[in-house]
C-alpha atoms as a PDB file:
ATOM      1  CA  UNK A   1      81.092  72.520 115.088  1.00  0.00           C
ATOM      2  CA  UNK A   2      81.363  75.710 112.932  1.00  0.00           C
ATOM      3  CA  UNK A   3      82.904  75.140 109.626  1.00  0.00           C
ATOM      4  CA  UNK A   4      86.010  77.072 108.328  1.00  0.00           C
ATOM      5  CA  UNK A   5      86.066  78.796 105.226  1.00  0.00           C
ATOM      6  CA  UNK A   6      88.548  77.257 102.927  1.00  0.00           C
ATOM      7  CA  UNK A   7      90.194  80.316 101.484  1.00  0.00           C
ATOM      8  CA  UNK A   8      93.229  80.194  98.820  1.00  0.00           C
ATOM      9  CA  UNK A   9      94.054  83.704  99.368  1.00  0.00           C
ATOM     10  CA  UNK A  10      93.901  83.590 103.197  1.00  0.00           C
ATOM     11  CA  UNK A  11      97.488  83.917 105.024  1.00  0.00           C
ATOM     12  CA  UNK A  12      98.492  81.181 107.210  1.00  0.00           C
ATOM     13  CA  UNK A  13     100.179  77.607 106.881  1.00  0.00           C
ATOM     14  CA  UNK A  14      96.757  75.539 107.612  1.00  0.00           C
ATOM     15  CA  UNK A  15      93.347  75.424 108.489  1.00  0.00           C
ATOM     16  CA  UNK A  16      92.755  76.792 112.040  1.00  0.00           C
ATOM     17  CA  UNK A  17      90.666  74.623 114.498  1.00  0.00           C
ATOM     18  CA  UNK A  18      87.394  76.296 115.104  1.00  0.00           C
ATOM     19  CA  UNK A  19      86.485  76.643 118.955  1.00  0.00           C
ATOM     20  CA  UNK A  20      83.738  74.687 120.344  1.00  0.00           C
ATOM     21  CA  UNK A  21      80.210  75.805 120.361  1.00  0.00           C
ATOM     22  CA  UNK A  22      77.994  75.998 123.507  1.00  0.00           C
ATOM     23  CA  UNK A  23      76.802  72.626 124.793  1.00  0.00           C
ATOM     24  CA  UNK A  24      73.111  73.466 123.651  1.00  0.00           C
ATOM     25  CA  UNK A  25      74.209  74.097 120.082  1.00  0.00           C
ATOM     26  CA  UNK A  26      72.073  72.541 117.402  1.00  0.00           C
ATOM     27  CA  UNK A  27      74.263  72.936 114.678  1.00  0.00           C
ATOM     28  CA  UNK A  28      74.744  70.386 111.680  1.00  0.00           C
ATOM     29  CA  UNK A  29      77.945  70.354 109.724  1.00  0.00           C
ATOM     30  CA  UNK A  30      77.427  72.809 106.993  1.00  0.00           C
ATOM     31  CA  UNK A  31      78.591  72.434 103.447  1.00  0.00           C
ATOM     32  CA  UNK A  32      82.115  74.042 103.019  1.00  0.00           C
ATOM     33  CA  UNK A  33      82.938  76.722 100.759  1.00  0.00           C
ATOM     34  CA  UNK A  34      86.086  76.381  98.936  1.00  0.00           C
ATOM     35  CA  UNK A  35      87.083  79.647  98.072  1.00  0.00           C
ATOM     36  CA  UNK A  36      90.298  78.878  96.070  1.00  0.00           C
ATOM     37  CA  UNK A  37      88.324  77.996  93.032  1.00  0.00           C
ATOM     38  CA  UNK A  38      84.521  79.134  93.729  1.00  0.00           C
ATOM     39  CA  UNK A  39      83.106  82.419  94.306  1.00  0.00           C
ATOM     40  CA  UNK A  40      80.206  82.428  96.946  1.00  0.00           C
ATOM     41  CA  UNK A  41      76.982  83.855  96.387  1.00  0.00           C
ATOM     42  CA  UNK A  42      75.394  85.270  99.598  1.00  0.00           C
ATOM     43  CA  UNK A  43      71.733  85.727  99.708  1.00  0.00           C
ATOM     44  CA  UNK A  44      70.205  88.534 101.533  1.00  0.00           C
ATOM     45  CA  UNK A  45      67.305  87.840 103.858  1.00  0.00           C
ATOM     46  CA  UNK A  46      66.191  90.826 105.922  1.00  0.00           C
ATOM     47  CA  UNK A  47      63.577  90.028 108.548  1.00  0.00           C
ATOM     48  CA  UNK A  48      62.750  93.972 108.891  1.00  0.00           C
ATOM     49  CA  UNK A  49      59.650  96.264 107.747  1.00  0.00           C
ATOM     50  CA  UNK A  50      62.345  98.986 106.754  1.00  0.00           C
ATOM     51  CA  UNK A  51      65.053  97.230 104.933  1.00  0.00           C
ATOM     52  CA  UNK A  52      66.827  98.973 102.110  1.00  0.00           C
ATOM     53  CA  UNK A  53      65.437  97.065  99.266  1.00  0.00           C
ATOM     54  CA  UNK A  54      63.019  94.337 100.349  1.00  0.00           C
ATOM     55  CA  UNK A  55      60.693  97.100 102.169  1.00  0.00           C
ATOM     56  CA  UNK A  56      59.301  94.522 104.485  1.00  0.00           C
ATOM     57  CA  UNK A  57      58.591  91.353 101.880  1.00  0.00           C
ATOM     58  CA  UNK A  58      60.484  89.131 104.265  1.00  0.00           C
ATOM     59  CA  UNK A  59      59.400  90.467 107.608  1.00  0.00           C
ATOM     60  CA  UNK A  60      57.216  87.744 108.687  1.00  0.00           C
ATOM     61  CA  UNK A  61      58.897  84.549 109.880  1.00  0.00           C
ATOM     62  CA  UNK A  62      57.420  82.240 107.084  1.00  0.00           C
ATOM     63  CA  UNK A  63      58.327  84.847 104.456  1.00  0.00           C
ATOM     64  CA  UNK A  64      61.921  85.087 105.877  1.00  0.00           C
ATOM     65  CA  UNK A  65      62.336  81.336 105.956  1.00  0.00           C
ATOM     66  CA  UNK A  66      60.730  80.662 102.498  1.00  0.00           C
ATOM     67  CA  UNK A  67      63.044  83.658 100.915  1.00  0.00           C
ATOM     68  CA  UNK A  68      66.098  81.800 102.606  1.00  0.00           C
ATOM     69  CA  UNK A  69      65.165  78.161 101.221  1.00  0.00           C
ATOM     70  CA  UNK A  70      64.388  79.821  97.892  1.00  0.00           C
ATOM     71  CA  UNK A  71      67.830  81.394  97.550  1.00  0.00           C
ATOM     72  CA  UNK A  72      69.307  78.031  98.352  1.00  0.00           C
ATOM     73  CA  UNK A  73      67.400  76.601  95.460  1.00  0.00           C
ATOM     74  CA  UNK A  74      68.432  79.382  93.362  1.00  0.00           C
ATOM     75  CA  UNK A  75      72.091  78.368  93.569  1.00  0.00           C
ATOM     76  CA  UNK A  76      72.970  80.599  96.815  1.00  0.00           C
ATOM     77  CA  UNK A  77      75.918  79.250  98.861  1.00  0.00           C
ATOM     78  CA  UNK A  78      75.477  81.356 101.705  1.00  0.00           C
ATOM     79  CA  UNK A  79      72.295  83.022 103.319  1.00  0.00           C
ATOM     80  CA  UNK A  80      73.023  86.216 105.327  1.00  0.00           C
ATOM     81  CA  UNK A  81      70.130  86.695 108.097  1.00  0.00           C
ATOM     82  CA  UNK A  82      69.632  90.396 109.123  1.00  0.00           C
ATOM     83  CA  UNK A  83      67.082  91.823 111.675  1.00  0.00           C
ATOM     84  CA  UNK A  84      68.210  95.813 111.846  1.00  0.00           C
ATOM     85  CA  UNK A  85      69.185  97.865 108.803  1.00  0.00           C
ATOM     86  CA  UNK A  86      72.580  99.691 108.949  1.00  0.00           C
ATOM     87  CA  UNK A  87      70.724 102.891 108.164  1.00  0.00           C
ATOM     88  CA  UNK A  88      70.350 105.685 110.985  1.00  0.00           C
ATOM     89  CA  UNK A  89      67.204 106.764 109.425  1.00  0.00           C
ATOM     90  CA  UNK A  90      65.363 103.302 110.646  1.00  0.00           C
ATOM     91  CA  UNK A  91      64.075 103.271 114.302  1.00  0.00           C
ATOM     92  CA  UNK A  92      66.140 101.700 116.787  1.00  0.00           C
ATOM     93  CA  UNK A  93      65.639  98.013 117.331  1.00  0.00           C
ATOM     94  CA  UNK A  94      66.215  96.507 121.000  1.00  0.00           C
ATOM     95  CA  UNK A  95      68.445  93.529 121.291  1.00  0.00           C
ATOM     96  CA  UNK A  96      65.570  91.225 122.520  1.00  0.00           C
ATOM     97  CA  UNK A  97      63.710  92.231 119.389  1.00  0.00           C
ATOM     98  CA  UNK A  98      66.599  91.737 117.236  1.00  0.00           C
ATOM     99  CA  UNK A  99      66.822  88.124 118.453  1.00  0.00           C
ATOM    100  CA  UNK A 100      62.988  87.562 118.038  1.00  0.00           C
ATOM    101  CA  UNK A 101      63.627  88.568 114.535  1.00  0.00           C
ATOM    102  CA  UNK A 102      66.727  86.512 113.456  1.00  0.00           C
ATOM    103  CA  UNK A 103      67.127  83.723 115.803  1.00  0.00           C
ATOM    104  CA  UNK A 104      64.042  81.527 114.646  1.00  0.00           C
ATOM    105  CA  UNK A 105      65.353  82.189 110.915  1.00  0.00           C
ATOM    106  CA  UNK A 106      68.649  80.771 111.651  1.00  0.00           C
ATOM    107  CA  UNK A 107      67.278  77.746 113.335  1.00  0.00           C
ATOM    108  CA  UNK A 108      64.576  77.053 110.612  1.00  0.00           C
ATOM    109  CA  UNK A 109      67.167  77.411 107.858  1.00  0.00           C
ATOM    110  CA  UNK A 110      69.723  75.279 109.582  1.00  0.00           C
ATOM    111  CA  UNK A 111      66.977  72.509 110.314  1.00  0.00           C
ATOM    112  CA  UNK A 112      66.218  72.539 106.538  1.00  0.00           C
ATOM    113  CA  UNK A 113      69.667  73.020 104.820  1.00  0.00           C
ATOM    114  CA  UNK A 114      73.215  72.585 105.355  1.00  0.00           C
ATOM    115  CA  UNK A 115      73.999  76.041 103.610  1.00  0.00           C
ATOM    116  CA  UNK A 116      76.362  78.305 105.107  1.00  0.00           C
ATOM    117  CA  UNK A 117      74.582  80.758 107.414  1.00  0.00           C
ATOM    118  CA  UNK A 118      75.409  84.351 108.471  1.00  0.00           C
ATOM    119  CA  UNK A 119      73.891  86.481 111.086  1.00  0.00           C
ATOM    120  CA  UNK A 120      74.164  90.343 110.018  1.00  0.00           C
ATOM    121  CA  UNK A 121      74.646  92.025 113.444  1.00  0.00           C
ATOM    122  CA  UNK A 122      76.726  94.245 115.385  1.00  0.00           C
ATOM    123  CA  UNK A 123      75.458  93.165 118.727  1.00  0.00           C
ATOM    124  CA  UNK A 124      77.456  90.326 120.575  1.00  0.00           C
ATOM    125  CA  UNK A 125      74.410  88.877 122.368  1.00  0.00           C
ATOM    126  CA  UNK A 126      72.767  88.270 118.981  1.00  0.00           C
ATOM    127  CA  UNK A 127      75.994  86.849 117.399  1.00  0.00           C
ATOM    128  CA  UNK A 128      76.167  84.272 120.305  1.00  0.00           C
ATOM    129  CA  UNK A 129      72.653  83.217 120.450  1.00  0.00           C
ATOM    130  CA  UNK A 130      72.722  82.857 116.503  1.00  0.00           C
ATOM    131  CA  UNK A 131      76.045  80.859 116.491  1.00  0.00           C
ATOM    132  CA  UNK A 132      74.909  78.516 119.102  1.00  0.00           C
ATOM    133  CA  UNK A 133      71.640  77.857 116.982  1.00  0.00           C
ATOM    134  CA  UNK A 134      73.466  77.155 113.889  1.00  0.00           C
ATOM    135  CA  UNK A 135      74.905  80.129 112.169  1.00  0.00           C
ATOM    136  CA  UNK A 136      78.432  79.638 110.955  1.00  0.00           C
ATOM    137  CA  UNK A 137      79.434  83.329 110.251  1.00  0.00           C
ATOM    138  CA  UNK A 138      79.135  86.626 112.150  1.00  0.00           C
ATOM    139  CA  UNK A 139      78.648  89.643 109.631  1.00  0.00           C
ATOM    140  CA  UNK A 140      79.643  92.604 111.370  1.00  0.00           C
ATOM    141  CA  UNK A 141      79.192  95.834 109.950  1.00  0.00           C
ATOM    142  CA  UNK A 142      80.931  97.566 112.811  1.00  0.00           C
ATOM    143  CA  UNK A 143      84.218  95.910 111.911  1.00  0.00           C
ATOM    144  CA  UNK A 144      84.619  94.185 115.209  1.00  0.00           C
ATOM    145  CA  UNK A 145      85.340  97.325 117.041  1.00  0.00           C
ATOM    146  CA  UNK A 146      83.370  95.920 119.959  1.00  0.00           C
ATOM    147  CA  UNK A 147      85.573  93.919 122.144  1.00  0.00           C
ATOM    148  CA  UNK A 148      82.526  91.951 123.341  1.00  0.00           C
ATOM    149  CA  UNK A 149      81.763  90.842 119.802  1.00  0.00           C
ATOM    150  CA  UNK A 150      85.600  90.073 119.205  1.00  0.00           C
ATOM    151  CA  UNK A 151      85.244  87.787 122.317  1.00  0.00           C
ATOM    152  CA  UNK A 152      81.985  85.850 120.864  1.00  0.00           C
ATOM    153  CA  UNK A 153      83.891  85.342 117.762  1.00  0.00           C
ATOM    154  CA  UNK A 154      86.930  83.959 119.235  1.00  0.00           C
ATOM    155  CA  UNK A 155      85.077  81.685 121.762  1.00  0.00           C
ATOM    156  CA  UNK A 156      82.440  80.097 119.369  1.00  0.00           C
ATOM    157  CA  UNK A 157      84.813  79.623 116.584  1.00  0.00           C
ATOM    158  CA  UNK A 158      82.531  81.381 114.346  1.00  0.00           C
ATOM    159  CA  UNK A 159      83.739  82.776 111.003  1.00  0.00           C
ATOM    160  CA  UNK A 160      83.532  86.532 110.644  1.00  0.00           C
ATOM    161  CA  UNK A 161      83.078  89.103 108.079  1.00  0.00           C
ATOM    162  CA  UNK A 162      84.856  92.157 108.948  1.00  0.00           C
ATOM    163  CA  UNK A 163      83.354  95.391 107.123  1.00  0.00           C
ATOM    164  CA  UNK A 164      84.672  98.883 106.882  1.00  0.00           C
ATOM    165  CA  UNK A 165      82.628 102.079 107.913  1.00  0.00           C
ATOM    166  CA  UNK A 166      83.626 105.253 109.351  1.00  0.00           C
ATOM    167  CA  UNK A 167      80.873 105.580 111.730  1.00  0.00           C
ATOM    168  CA  UNK A 168      78.802 102.788 113.907  1.00  0.00           C
ATOM    169  CA  UNK A 169      75.757 101.478 112.575  1.00  0.00           C
ATOM    170  CA  UNK A 170      72.797 104.063 113.167  1.00  0.00           C
ATOM    171  CA  UNK A 171      74.975 106.888 113.485  1.00  0.00           C
ATOM    172  CA  UNK A 172      74.911 109.637 111.024  1.00  0.00           C
ATOM    173  CA  UNK A 173      78.334 110.394 109.005  1.00  0.00           C
ATOM    174  CA  UNK A 174      77.302 113.300 106.719  1.00  0.00           C
ATOM    175  CA  UNK A 175      79.821 114.072 103.788  1.00  0.00           C
ATOM    176  CA  UNK A 176      82.515 111.459 104.639  1.00  0.00           C
ATOM    177  CA  UNK A 177      85.749 112.589 103.443  1.00  0.00           C
ATOM    178  CA  UNK A 178      88.907 110.413 102.353  1.00  0.00           C
ATOM    179  CA  UNK A 179      92.528 111.455 101.234  1.00  0.00           C
ATOM    180  CA  UNK A 180      92.479 108.120  99.231  1.00  0.00           C
ATOM    181  CA  UNK A 181      89.467 105.832 100.117  1.00  0.00           C
ATOM    182  CA  UNK A 182      90.990 102.727  98.911  1.00  0.00           C
ATOM    183  CA  UNK A 183      94.265 103.149 100.913  1.00  0.00           C
ATOM    184  CA  UNK A 184      92.347 104.111 104.052  1.00  0.00           C
ATOM    185  CA  UNK A 185      89.941 101.167 103.740  1.00  0.00           C
ATOM    186  CA  UNK A 186      92.730  98.878 103.215  1.00  0.00           C
ATOM    187  CA  UNK A 187      94.593 100.330 106.180  1.00  0.00           C
ATOM    188  CA  UNK A 188      91.498  99.941 108.607  1.00  0.00           C
ATOM    189  CA  UNK A 189      90.743  96.373 107.252  1.00  0.00           C
ATOM    190  CA  UNK A 190      94.573  95.227 107.909  1.00  0.00           C
ATOM    191  CA  UNK A 191      94.663  96.782 111.323  1.00  0.00           C
ATOM    192  CA  UNK A 192      91.465  94.973 112.282  1.00  0.00           C
ATOM    193  CA  UNK A 193      92.384  91.790 111.106  1.00  0.00           C
ATOM    194  CA  UNK A 194      95.740  92.191 113.100  1.00  0.00           C
ATOM    195  CA  UNK A 195      93.541  92.942 116.113  1.00  0.00           C
ATOM    196  CA  UNK A 196      91.316  89.914 115.625  1.00  0.00           C
ATOM    197  CA  UNK A 197      94.078  87.410 115.184  1.00  0.00           C
ATOM    198  CA  UNK A 198      95.758  88.688 118.186  1.00  0.00           C
ATOM    199  CA  UNK A 199      92.642  87.642 120.220  1.00  0.00           C
ATOM    200  CA  UNK A 200      92.874  84.175 118.830  1.00  0.00           C
ATOM    201  CA  UNK A 201      90.850  84.209 115.960  1.00  0.00           C
ATOM    202  CA  UNK A 202      92.176  81.943 113.088  1.00  0.00           C
ATOM    203  CA  UNK A 203      93.141  83.954 109.854  1.00  0.00           C
ATOM    204  CA  UNK A 204      91.268  81.302 107.719  1.00  0.00           C
ATOM    205  CA  UNK A 205      88.209  82.303 109.278  1.00  0.00           C
ATOM    206  CA  UNK A 206      88.267  85.748 108.264  1.00  0.00           C
ATOM    207  CA  UNK A 207      86.497  87.503 105.436  1.00  0.00           C
ATOM    208  CA  UNK A 208      86.868  91.228 104.829  1.00  0.00           C
ATOM    209  CA  UNK A 209      84.505  93.701 103.302  1.00  0.00           C
ATOM    210  CA  UNK A 210      85.496  97.213 102.049  1.00  0.00           C
ATOM    211  CA  UNK A 211      81.815  98.559 102.833  1.00  0.00           C
ATOM    212  CA  UNK A 212      80.577  99.945  99.471  1.00  0.00           C
ATOM    213  CA  UNK A 213      78.373 102.951 100.421  1.00  0.00           C
ATOM    214  CA  UNK A 214      78.861 102.495 104.057  1.00  0.00           C
ATOM    215  CA  UNK A 215      79.705 106.011 105.029  1.00  0.00           C
ATOM    216  CA  UNK A 216      80.957 106.669 101.479  1.00  0.00           C
ATOM    217  CA  UNK A 217      79.384 108.581  98.672  1.00  0.00           C
ATOM    218  CA  UNK A 218      79.152 107.333  94.942  1.00  0.00           C
ATOM    219  CA  UNK A 219      82.546 108.313  93.685  1.00  0.00           C
ATOM    220  CA  UNK A 220      84.103 106.571  96.779  1.00  0.00           C
ATOM    221  CA  UNK A 221      82.355 103.291  96.137  1.00  0.00           C
ATOM    222  CA  UNK A 222      83.111 103.414  92.360  1.00  0.00           C
ATOM    223  CA  UNK A 223      86.854 103.940  93.247  1.00  0.00           C
ATOM    224  CA  UNK A 224      86.678 100.941  95.444  1.00  0.00           C
ATOM    225  CA  UNK A 225      85.256  99.008  92.756  1.00  0.00           C
ATOM    226  CA  UNK A 226      87.749 100.068  90.177  1.00  0.00           C
ATOM    227  CA  UNK A 227      90.672  99.482  92.504  1.00  0.00           C
ATOM    228  CA  UNK A 228      89.194  96.539  94.228  1.00  0.00           C
ATOM    229  CA  UNK A 229      92.297  94.643  93.424  1.00  0.00           C
ATOM    230  CA  UNK A 230      94.055  96.458  96.120  1.00  0.00           C
ATOM    231  CA  UNK A 231      91.758  95.250  98.541  1.00  0.00           C
ATOM    232  CA  UNK A 232      91.770  91.558  97.738  1.00  0.00           C
ATOM    233  CA  UNK A 233      95.500  92.018  97.588  1.00  0.00           C
ATOM    234  CA  UNK A 234      95.491  92.288 101.204  1.00  0.00           C
ATOM    235  CA  UNK A 235      95.263  88.412 101.196  1.00  0.00           C
ATOM    236  CA  UNK A 236      92.049  87.614 102.883  1.00  0.00           C
ATOM    237  CA  UNK A 237      88.809  86.532 101.014  1.00  0.00           C
ATOM    238  CA  UNK A 238      86.928  89.836 100.034  1.00  0.00           C
ATOM    239  CA  UNK A 239      83.055  90.146 100.469  1.00  0.00           C
ATOM    240  CA  UNK A 240      81.310  92.692  98.174  1.00  0.00           C
ATOM    241  CA  UNK A 241      77.897  94.134  99.040  1.00  0.00           C
ATOM    242  CA  UNK A 242      76.858  95.947  96.199  1.00  0.00           C
ATOM    243  CA  UNK A 243      73.432  94.723  95.290  1.00  0.00           C
ATOM    244  CA  UNK A 244      70.844  97.530  94.382  1.00  0.00           C
ATOM    245  CA  UNK A 245      73.276  99.951  96.364  1.00  0.00           C
ATOM    246  CA  UNK A 246      72.754 103.962  95.848  1.00  0.00           C
ATOM    247  CA  UNK A 247      76.133 104.318  93.984  1.00  0.00           C
ATOM    248  CA  UNK A 248      74.892 101.747  91.402  1.00  0.00           C
ATOM    249  CA  UNK A 249      71.389 104.023  91.230  1.00  0.00           C
ATOM    250  CA  UNK A 250      73.198 107.434  91.245  1.00  0.00           C
ATOM    251  CA  UNK A 251      75.535 106.209  88.451  1.00  0.00           C
ATOM    252  CA  UNK A 252      72.765 105.067  86.247  1.00  0.00           C
ATOM    253  CA  UNK A 253      70.030 107.313  87.362  1.00  0.00           C
ATOM    254  CA  UNK A 254      67.858 104.288  88.283  1.00  0.00           C
ATOM    255  CA  UNK A 255      65.652 103.649  91.374  1.00  0.00           C
ATOM    256  CA  UNK A 256      66.189 100.522  93.390  1.00  0.00           C
ATOM    257  CA  UNK A 257      63.826  98.428  91.394  1.00  0.00           C
ATOM    258  CA  UNK A 258      65.777  98.997  88.260  1.00  0.00           C
ATOM    259  CA  UNK A 259      69.377  98.516  89.546  1.00  0.00           C
ATOM    260  CA  UNK A 260      69.751  94.921  88.963  1.00  0.00           C
ATOM    261  CA  UNK A 261      71.896  95.274  85.513  1.00  0.00           C
ATOM    262  CA  UNK A 262      74.123  97.750  87.218  1.00  0.00           C
ATOM    263  CA  UNK A 263      74.710  95.468  90.377  1.00  0.00           C
ATOM    264  CA  UNK A 264      75.539  92.495  88.110  1.00  0.00           C
ATOM    265  CA  UNK A 265      78.199  94.585  86.050  1.00  0.00           C
ATOM    266  CA  UNK A 266      79.457  95.739  89.323  1.00  0.00           C
ATOM    267  CA  UNK A 267      79.662  92.112  90.680  1.00  0.00           C
ATOM    268  CA  UNK A 268      81.333  90.901  87.515  1.00  0.00           C
ATOM    269  CA  UNK A 269      84.215  93.477  87.862  1.00  0.00           C
ATOM    270  CA  UNK A 270      84.532  92.695  91.393  1.00  0.00           C
ATOM    271  CA  UNK A 271      84.982  89.011  90.739  1.00  0.00           C
ATOM    272  CA  UNK A 272      87.347  89.761  88.141  1.00  0.00           C
ATOM    273  CA  UNK A 273      89.406  91.732  90.688  1.00  0.00           C
ATOM    274  CA  UNK A 274      89.491  88.776  93.288  1.00  0.00           C
ATOM    275  CA  UNK A 275      86.413  89.113  95.255  1.00  0.00           C
ATOM    276  CA  UNK A 276      85.389  85.812  96.538  1.00  0.00           C
ATOM    277  CA  UNK A 277      81.838  86.466  98.117  1.00  0.00           C
ATOM    278  CA  UNK A 278      79.041  88.414  96.488  1.00  0.00           C
ATOM    279  CA  UNK A 279      76.140  89.552  98.421  1.00  0.00           C
ATOM    280  CA  UNK A 280      72.993  89.725  96.504  1.00  0.00           C
ATOM    281  CA  UNK A 281      69.081  90.251  96.661  1.00  0.00           C
ATOM    282  CA  UNK A 282      68.969  88.537  93.281  1.00  0.00           C
ATOM    283  CA  UNK A 283      70.539  85.220  93.558  1.00  0.00           C
ATOM    284  CA  UNK A 284      69.638  83.347  90.172  1.00  0.00           C
ATOM    285  CA  UNK A 285      70.791  86.400  88.196  1.00  0.00           C
ATOM    286  CA  UNK A 286      73.667  86.923  90.326  1.00  0.00           C
ATOM    287  CA  UNK A 287      74.740  83.253  89.994  1.00  0.00           C
ATOM    288  CA  UNK A 288      74.735  83.554  86.395  1.00  0.00           C
ATOM    289  CA  UNK A 289      76.755  86.611  86.226  1.00  0.00           C
ATOM    290  CA  UNK A 290      79.207  85.223  88.567  1.00  0.00           C
ATOM    291  CA  UNK A 291      79.579  81.700  87.054  1.00  0.00           C
ATOM    292  CA  UNK A 292      79.907  83.430  83.520  1.00  0.00           C
ATOM    293  CA  UNK A 293      82.701  85.656  84.854  1.00  0.00           C
ATOM    294  CA  UNK A 294      84.684  82.800  86.438  1.00  0.00           C
ATOM    295  CA  UNK A 295      84.382  80.810  83.081  1.00  0.00           C
ATOM    296  CA  UNK A 296      85.772  83.764  81.204  1.00  0.00           C
ATOM    297  CA  UNK A 297      88.523  83.921  83.767  1.00  0.00           C
ATOM    298  CA  UNK A 298      89.156  80.123  83.235  1.00  0.00           C
ATOM    299  CA  UNK A 299      88.203  79.378  86.771  1.00  0.00           C
ATOM    300  CA  UNK A 300      85.048  77.117  85.667  1.00  0.00           C
ATOM    301  CA  UNK A 301      84.163  74.934  82.918  1.00  0.00           C
ATOM    302  CA  UNK A 302      81.104  75.415  80.972  1.00  0.00           C
ATOM    303  CA  UNK A 303      78.037  73.213  82.113  1.00  0.00           C
ATOM    304  CA  UNK A 304      77.917  71.839  78.404  1.00  0.00           C
ATOM    305  CA  UNK A 305      80.063  72.012  75.220  1.00  0.00           C
ATOM    306  CA  UNK A 306      77.856  71.450  72.057  1.00  0.00           C
ATOM    307  CA  UNK A 307      78.121  74.563  69.841  1.00  0.00           C
ATOM    308  CA  UNK A 308      79.979  74.068  66.756  1.00  0.00           C
ATOM    309  CA  UNK A 309      81.209  70.694  68.070  1.00  0.00           C
END
C-alpha cells in the first residue's frame, strides 16, 4: 500500500486511509516520513537528455538508478524521478516515451530500497503506472488542474505534491505579472487543496509547493523565499524546489555549476520558515545544511557533544 505522509502541520484529525493500489502493484511498504519533527531531503533524478542541471548525466537507465541509490546512501529520504523537463524550450516527449524513461527507474529503486519515491509528471497515465510499480507520491507541477490526474491520485491512494504555476508545463508565459506573488500563490494552493480534498484525497496526503521560478521571475522567487512563512502557515507540508535555479544564479551572478552555496542558503532560510521538504540535486551538502538548520532551531540534537566537555 502507499504510505501516508505524517505531517505535523497538516489539517485534519487523524491519518487518512490510503486507497488500494491495483492488484498487480509490486510495492513494498516504504519508510514513513515524520514531518512533524524531520525535514525530508528529496533527491532529483532526471532521466532526460536535456534536464535543467544534469544535462543528460542520468539519462541512461543504469545511470539514473545508480544516482537514485547514491542519493539514498548520501541521506536522501525521498527520490523524485522525472522524464520530462518543465521548460517549454525542450522537445515534446510522447507519453509512451515518458513511461519508458521513468517506469524502469521506479521499479528498480523500489526493488532495492524502501525510500519514498515520487514521479515528477503531469500525465495521469504515467502517474497511475508508476504508483502501481511502487511510487508513493505524484509530484504534479501542473497543480492537479487535470481532472484525470486527480482521479488517479484519489483512486490509488498516492500522496501528492501540488505545485503552483501560471501556465501548464511546456507552455510559454513570458513576463509573468503578480499584484502580490505570495498572496496569489497562497490563494491558488488553498483552492487546489480544497478541490483535491473534495474529490476524496485525504488532507494528510497533500504537500504544497509554491513553485519557485515556475512562471516567476527572480524578484518573485526571492519574495516567495522571504515570505515563505505565509505559505507554510496554510497548514500543509511545504516543499521547496530551489536547487541551482535561475533566481539563485541571477541573484549571485553565478552559472548553474556554481550555485550550490546560494541554493543551500535559500534552503536554510526556507527550513527556518517552516518548509518540510527540500528538493535538491546535491543531496549530501543539502542534508548537512538542513540538519544544521534543524539543530539551530532546536528540532534536532547534535550527532555528538564533545567540544569543551
